[in-house]
PDB file of N, CA and C in Angstrom:
ATOM      1  N   PRO A   1     -19.637 -69.660  28.305  1.00  0.00           N
ATOM      2  CA  PRO A   1     -18.339 -69.159  28.755  1.00  0.00           C
ATOM      3  C   PRO A   1     -17.553 -68.500  27.610  1.00  0.00           C
ATOM      4  N   GLY A   2     -17.654 -69.025  26.397  1.00  0.00           N
ATOM      5  CA  GLY A   2     -16.927 -68.467  25.261  1.00  0.00           C
ATOM      6  C   GLY A   2     -17.415 -67.082  24.882  1.00  0.00           C
ATOM      7  N   VAL A   3     -18.700 -66.840  25.071  1.00  0.00           N
ATOM      8  CA  VAL A   3     -19.278 -65.535  24.724  1.00  0.00           C
ATOM      9  C   VAL A   3     -18.710 -64.453  25.633  1.00  0.00           C
ATOM     10  N   GLY A   4     -18.597 -64.733  26.896  1.00  0.00           N
ATOM     11  CA  GLY A   4     -18.054 -63.755  27.846  1.00  0.00           C
ATOM     12  C   GLY A   4     -16.620 -63.386  27.512  1.00  0.00           C
ATOM     13  N   ALA A   5     -15.833 -64.382  27.146  1.00  0.00           N
ATOM     14  CA  ALA A   5     -14.440 -64.116  26.785  1.00  0.00           C
ATOM     15  C   ALA A   5     -14.369 -63.264  25.525  1.00  0.00           C
ATOM     16  N   ALA A   6     -15.214 -63.563  24.556  1.00  0.00           N
ATOM     17  CA  ALA A   6     -15.218 -62.802  23.306  1.00  0.00           C
ATOM     18  C   ALA A   6     -15.612 -61.351  23.554  1.00  0.00           C
ATOM     19  N   VAL A   7     -16.588 -61.140  24.411  1.00  0.00           N
ATOM     20  CA  VAL A   7     -17.007 -59.779  24.740  1.00  0.00           C
ATOM     21  C   VAL A   7     -15.871 -59.048  25.451  1.00  0.00           C
ATOM     22  N   GLY A   8     -15.230 -59.728  26.366  1.00  0.00           N
ATOM     23  CA  GLY A   8     -14.101 -59.124  27.085  1.00  0.00           C
ATOM     24  C   GLY A   8     -12.971 -58.743  26.152  1.00  0.00           C
ATOM     25  N   ILE A   9     -12.656 -59.598  25.212  1.00  0.00           N
ATOM     26  CA  ILE A   9     -11.595 -59.310  24.249  1.00  0.00           C
ATOM     27  C   ILE A   9     -12.000 -58.119  23.375  1.00  0.00           C
ATOM     28  N   GLY A  10     -13.256 -58.078  22.959  1.00  0.00           N
ATOM     29  CA  GLY A  10     -13.737 -56.964  22.144  1.00  0.00           C
ATOM     30  C   GLY A  10     -13.637 -55.640  22.871  1.00  0.00           C
ATOM     31  N   ILE A  11     -14.022 -55.634  24.128  1.00  0.00           N
ATOM     32  CA  ILE A  11     -13.947 -54.406  24.922  1.00  0.00           C
ATOM     33  C   ILE A  11     -12.498 -53.985  25.111  1.00  0.00           C
ATOM     34  N   GLY A  12     -11.636 -54.950  25.402  1.00  0.00           N
ATOM     35  CA  GLY A  12     -10.214 -54.642  25.570  1.00  0.00           C
ATOM     36  C   GLY A  12      -9.611 -54.066  24.300  1.00  0.00           C
ATOM     37  N   ALA A  13      -9.956 -54.633  23.158  1.00  0.00           N
ATOM     38  CA  ALA A  13      -9.440 -54.135  21.882  1.00  0.00           C
ATOM     39  C   ALA A  13      -9.915 -52.714  21.621  1.00  0.00           C
ATOM     40  N   ALA A  14     -11.158 -52.419  21.974  1.00  0.00           N
ATOM     41  CA  ALA A  14     -11.694 -51.068  21.777  1.00  0.00           C
ATOM     42  C   ALA A  14     -10.952 -50.053  22.651  1.00  0.00           C
ATOM     43  N   ILE A  15     -10.648 -50.434  23.870  1.00  0.00           N
ATOM     44  CA  ILE A  15      -9.929 -49.540  24.784  1.00  0.00           C
ATOM     45  C   ILE A  15      -8.524 -49.269  24.255  1.00  0.00           C
ATOM     46  N   VAL A  16      -7.831 -50.323  23.847  1.00  0.00           N
ATOM     47  CA  VAL A  16      -6.473 -50.159  23.325  1.00  0.00           C
ATOM     48  C   VAL A  16      -6.494 -49.327  22.041  1.00  0.00           C
ATOM     49  N   GLY A  17      -7.446 -49.601  21.155  1.00  0.00           N
ATOM     50  CA  GLY A  17      -7.557 -48.832  19.915  1.00  0.00           C
ATOM     51  C   GLY A  17      -7.813 -47.363  20.186  1.00  0.00           C
ATOM     52  N   GLY A  18      -8.657 -47.068  21.157  1.00  0.00           N
ATOM     53  CA  GLY A  18      -8.936 -45.679  21.518  1.00  0.00           C
ATOM     54  C   GLY A  18      -7.715 -44.980  22.084  1.00  0.00           C
ATOM     55  N   ALA A  19      -6.942 -45.686  22.883  1.00  0.00           N
ATOM     56  CA  ALA A  19      -5.728 -45.105  23.458  1.00  0.00           C
ATOM     57  C   ALA A  19      -4.702 -44.808  22.371  1.00  0.00           C
ATOM     58  N   ILE A  20      -4.575 -45.700  21.405  1.00  0.00           N
ATOM     59  CA  ILE A  20      -3.634 -45.486  20.305  1.00  0.00           C
ATOM     60  C   ILE A  20      -4.065 -44.282  19.477  1.00  0.00           C
ATOM     61  N   ALA A  21      -5.335 -44.183  19.173  1.00  0.00           N
ATOM     62  CA  ALA A  21      -5.846 -43.058  18.384  1.00  0.00           C
ATOM     63  C   ALA A  21      -5.625 -41.734  19.122  1.00  0.00           C
ATOM     64  N   ALA A  22      -5.864 -41.723  20.425  1.00  0.00           N
ATOM     65  CA  ALA A  22      -5.673 -40.505  21.214  1.00  0.00           C
ATOM     66  C   ALA A  22      -4.200 -40.103  21.232  1.00  0.00           C
ATOM     67  N   SER A  23      -3.323 -41.075  21.340  1.00  0.00           N
ATOM     68  CA  SER A  23      -1.887 -40.809  21.352  1.00  0.00           C
ATOM     69  C   SER A  23      -1.434 -40.226  20.019  1.00  0.00           C
ATOM     70  N   GLN A  24      -1.933 -40.774  18.930  1.00  0.00           N
ATOM     71  CA  GLN A  24      -1.577 -40.274  17.599  1.00  0.00           C
ATOM     72  C   GLN A  24      -2.117 -38.863  17.392  1.00  0.00           C
ATOM     73  N   ALA A  25      -3.302 -38.596  17.873  1.00  0.00           N
ATOM     74  CA  ALA A  25      -3.887 -37.262  17.743  1.00  0.00           C
ATOM     75  C   ALA A  25      -3.067 -36.243  18.526  1.00  0.00           C
ATOM     76  N   GLU A  26      -2.621 -36.610  19.713  1.00  0.00           N
ATOM     77  CA  GLU A  26      -1.806 -35.706  20.530  1.00  0.00           C
ATOM     78  C   GLU A  26      -0.464 -35.438  19.851  1.00  0.00           C
ATOM     79  N   ALA A  27       0.142 -36.452  19.263  1.00  0.00           N
ATOM     80  CA  ALA A  27       1.409 -36.270  18.560  1.00  0.00           C
ATOM     81  C   ALA A  27       1.233 -35.332  17.364  1.00  0.00           C
ATOM     82  N   ALA A  28       0.138 -35.458  16.644  1.00  0.00           N
ATOM     83  CA  ALA A  28      -0.133 -34.590  15.500  1.00  0.00           C
ATOM     84  C   ALA A  28      -0.335 -33.149  15.953  1.00  0.00           C
ATOM     85  N   ARG A  29      -1.043 -32.954  17.075  1.00  0.00           N
ATOM     86  CA  ARG A  29      -1.251 -31.594  17.607  1.00  0.00           C
ATOM     87  C   ARG A  29       0.080 -30.967  18.002  1.00  0.00           C
ATOM     88  N   GLN A  30       0.930 -31.757  18.640  1.00  0.00           N
ATOM     89  CA  GLN A  30       2.232 -31.230  19.064  1.00  0.00           C
ATOM     90  C   GLN A  30       3.083 -30.874  17.852  1.00  0.00           C
ATOM     91  N   GLN A  31       3.065 -31.720  16.835  1.00  0.00           N
ATOM     92  CA  GLN A  31       3.841 -31.446  15.630  1.00  0.00           C
ATOM     93  C   GLN A  31       3.340 -30.170  14.950  1.00  0.00           C
ATOM     94  N   ASP A  32       2.025 -29.988  14.870  1.00  0.00           N
ATOM     95  CA  ASP A  32       1.461 -28.772  14.283  1.00  0.00           C
ATOM     96  C   ASP A  32       1.892 -27.541  15.078  1.00  0.00           C
ATOM     97  N   TYR A  33       1.852 -27.645  16.397  1.00  0.00           N
ATOM     98  CA  TYR A  33       2.250 -26.539  17.273  1.00  0.00           C
ATOM     99  C   TYR A  33       3.708 -26.162  17.021  1.00  0.00           C
ATOM    100  N   CYS A  34       4.563 -27.157  16.972  1.00  0.00           N
ATOM    101  CA  CYS A  34       5.985 -26.903  16.792  1.00  0.00           C
ATOM    102  C   CYS A  34       6.272 -26.315  15.413  1.00  0.00           C
ATOM    103  N   ALA A  35       5.592 -26.813  14.399  1.00  0.00           N
ATOM    104  CA  ALA A  35       5.792 -26.310  13.040  1.00  0.00           C
ATOM    105  C   ALA A  35       5.370 -24.844  12.940  1.00  0.00           C
ATOM    106  N   ARG A  36       4.313 -24.459  13.649  1.00  0.00           N
ATOM    107  CA  ARG A  36       3.854 -23.070  13.628  1.00  0.00           C
ATOM    108  C   ARG A  36       4.769 -22.171  14.445  1.00  0.00           C
ATOM    109  N   ARG A  37       5.281 -22.679  15.548  1.00  0.00           N
ATOM    110  CA  ARG A  37       6.066 -21.853  16.464  1.00  0.00           C
ATOM    111  C   ARG A  37       7.525 -21.692  16.027  1.00  0.00           C
ATOM    112  N   PHE A  38       8.111 -22.740  15.486  1.00  0.00           N
ATOM    113  CA  PHE A  38       9.538 -22.717  15.152  1.00  0.00           C
ATOM    114  C   PHE A  38       9.727 -22.924  13.654  1.00  0.00           C
ATOM    115  N   ARG A  39      10.244 -21.913  12.985  1.00  0.00           N
ATOM    116  CA  ARG A  39      10.463 -22.039  11.534  1.00  0.00           C
ATOM    117  C   ARG A  39      11.468 -23.128  11.211  1.00  0.00           C
ATOM    118  N   SER A  40      12.397 -23.401  12.110  1.00  0.00           N
ATOM    119  CA  SER A  40      13.430 -24.397  11.854  1.00  0.00           C
ATOM    120  C   SER A  40      13.022 -25.796  12.315  1.00  0.00           C
ATOM    121  N   TYR A  41      11.753 -25.983  12.679  1.00  0.00           N
ATOM    122  CA  TYR A  41      11.296 -27.280  13.181  1.00  0.00           C
ATOM    123  C   TYR A  41      11.479 -28.364  12.121  1.00  0.00           C
ATOM    124  N   ASN A  42      12.045 -29.490  12.535  1.00  0.00           N
ATOM    125  CA  ASN A  42      12.258 -30.636  11.652  1.00  0.00           C
ATOM    126  C   ASN A  42      11.364 -31.774  12.140  1.00  0.00           C
ATOM    127  N   PRO A  43      10.276 -32.073  11.447  1.00  0.00           N
ATOM    128  CA  PRO A  43       9.356 -33.123  11.918  1.00  0.00           C
ATOM    129  C   PRO A  43       9.987 -34.519  11.929  1.00  0.00           C
ATOM    130  N   ALA A  44      11.012 -34.734  11.114  1.00  0.00           N
ATOM    131  CA  ALA A  44      11.665 -36.045  11.086  1.00  0.00           C
ATOM    132  C   ALA A  44      12.397 -36.332  12.398  1.00  0.00           C
ATOM    133  N   THR A  45      12.939 -35.278  13.021  1.00  0.00           N
ATOM    134  CA  THR A  45      13.686 -35.466  14.268  1.00  0.00           C
ATOM    135  C   THR A  45      12.933 -34.946  15.496  1.00  0.00           C
ATOM    136  N   GLY A  46      11.887 -34.126  15.264  1.00  0.00           N
ATOM    137  CA  GLY A  46      11.142 -33.547  16.383  1.00  0.00           C
ATOM    138  C   GLY A  46      11.925 -32.459  17.092  1.00  0.00           C
ATOM    139  N   THR A  47      12.858 -31.837  16.371  1.00  0.00           N
ATOM    140  CA  THR A  47      13.701 -30.806  16.971  1.00  0.00           C
ATOM    141  C   THR A  47      13.623 -29.516  16.165  1.00  0.00           C
ATOM    142  N   TYR A  48      14.144 -28.443  16.767  1.00  0.00           N
ATOM    143  CA  TYR A  48      14.270 -27.157  16.095  1.00  0.00           C
ATOM    144  C   TYR A  48      15.632 -26.582  16.448  1.00  0.00           C
ATOM    145  N   ILE A  49      16.065 -25.590  15.686  1.00  0.00           N
ATOM    146  CA  ILE A  49      17.340 -24.946  15.947  1.00  0.00           C
ATOM    147  C   ILE A  49      17.080 -23.701  16.782  1.00  0.00           C
ATOM    148  N   ALA A  50      17.626 -23.684  17.982  1.00  0.00           N
ATOM    149  CA  ALA A  50      17.435 -22.569  18.906  1.00  0.00           C
ATOM    150  C   ALA A  50      18.468 -21.479  18.625  1.00  0.00           C
ATOM    151  N   LYS A  51      18.300 -20.353  19.311  1.00  0.00           N
ATOM    152  CA  LYS A  51      19.286 -19.282  19.213  1.00  0.00           C
ATOM    153  C   LYS A  51      20.632 -19.856  19.631  1.00  0.00           C
ATOM    154  N   GLY A  52      21.654 -19.492  18.945  1.00  0.00           N
ATOM    155  CA  GLY A  52      22.980 -20.025  19.234  1.00  0.00           C
ATOM    156  C   GLY A  52      23.287 -21.277  18.434  1.00  0.00           C
ATOM    157  N   GLY A  53      22.307 -21.744  17.635  1.00  0.00           N
ATOM    158  CA  GLY A  53      22.545 -22.882  16.766  1.00  0.00           C
ATOM    159  C   GLY A  53      22.385 -24.254  17.385  1.00  0.00           C
ATOM    160  N   ARG A  54      21.930 -24.314  18.630  1.00  0.00           N
ATOM    161  CA  ARG A  54      21.748 -25.623  19.283  1.00  0.00           C
ATOM    162  C   ARG A  54      20.461 -26.278  18.830  1.00  0.00           C
ATOM    163  N   GLU A  55      20.523 -27.572  18.585  1.00  0.00           N
ATOM    164  CA  GLU A  55      19.342 -28.344  18.213  1.00  0.00           C
ATOM    165  C   GLU A  55      18.613 -28.751  19.496  1.00  0.00           C
ATOM    166  N   MET A  56      17.319 -28.411  19.569  1.00  0.00           N
ATOM    167  CA  MET A  56      16.547 -28.630  20.785  1.00  0.00           C
ATOM    168  C   MET A  56      15.305 -29.471  20.466  1.00  0.00           C
ATOM    169  N   PRO A  57      14.898 -30.340  21.393  1.00  0.00           N
ATOM    170  CA  PRO A  57      13.634 -31.075  21.176  1.00  0.00           C
ATOM    171  C   PRO A  57      12.473 -30.131  21.334  1.00  0.00           C
ATOM    172  N   CYS A  58      11.442 -30.366  20.544  1.00  0.00           N
ATOM    173  CA  CYS A  58      10.254 -29.532  20.644  1.00  0.00           C
ATOM    174  C   CYS A  58       9.545 -29.822  21.963  1.00  0.00           C
ATOM    175  N   PRO A  59       9.101 -28.753  22.641  1.00  0.00           N
ATOM    176  CA  PRO A  59       8.415 -28.958  23.931  1.00  0.00           C
ATOM    177  C   PRO A  59       7.085 -29.665  23.808  1.00  0.00           C
TER     178      PRO A  59
END
């Protein structure tokens, strides 16, 4: 019975780890996109300065 639980926990950890890695990769891609598209992009806030001076979140 202990072996089955250990295998289940291992599989669950792998799934969660994969989801976290995918999420981080997507965030990095979005940040790269925004940095290339908007010269005023601020990675610390995830925003850029739009025409008219308004601070906007990166899409």
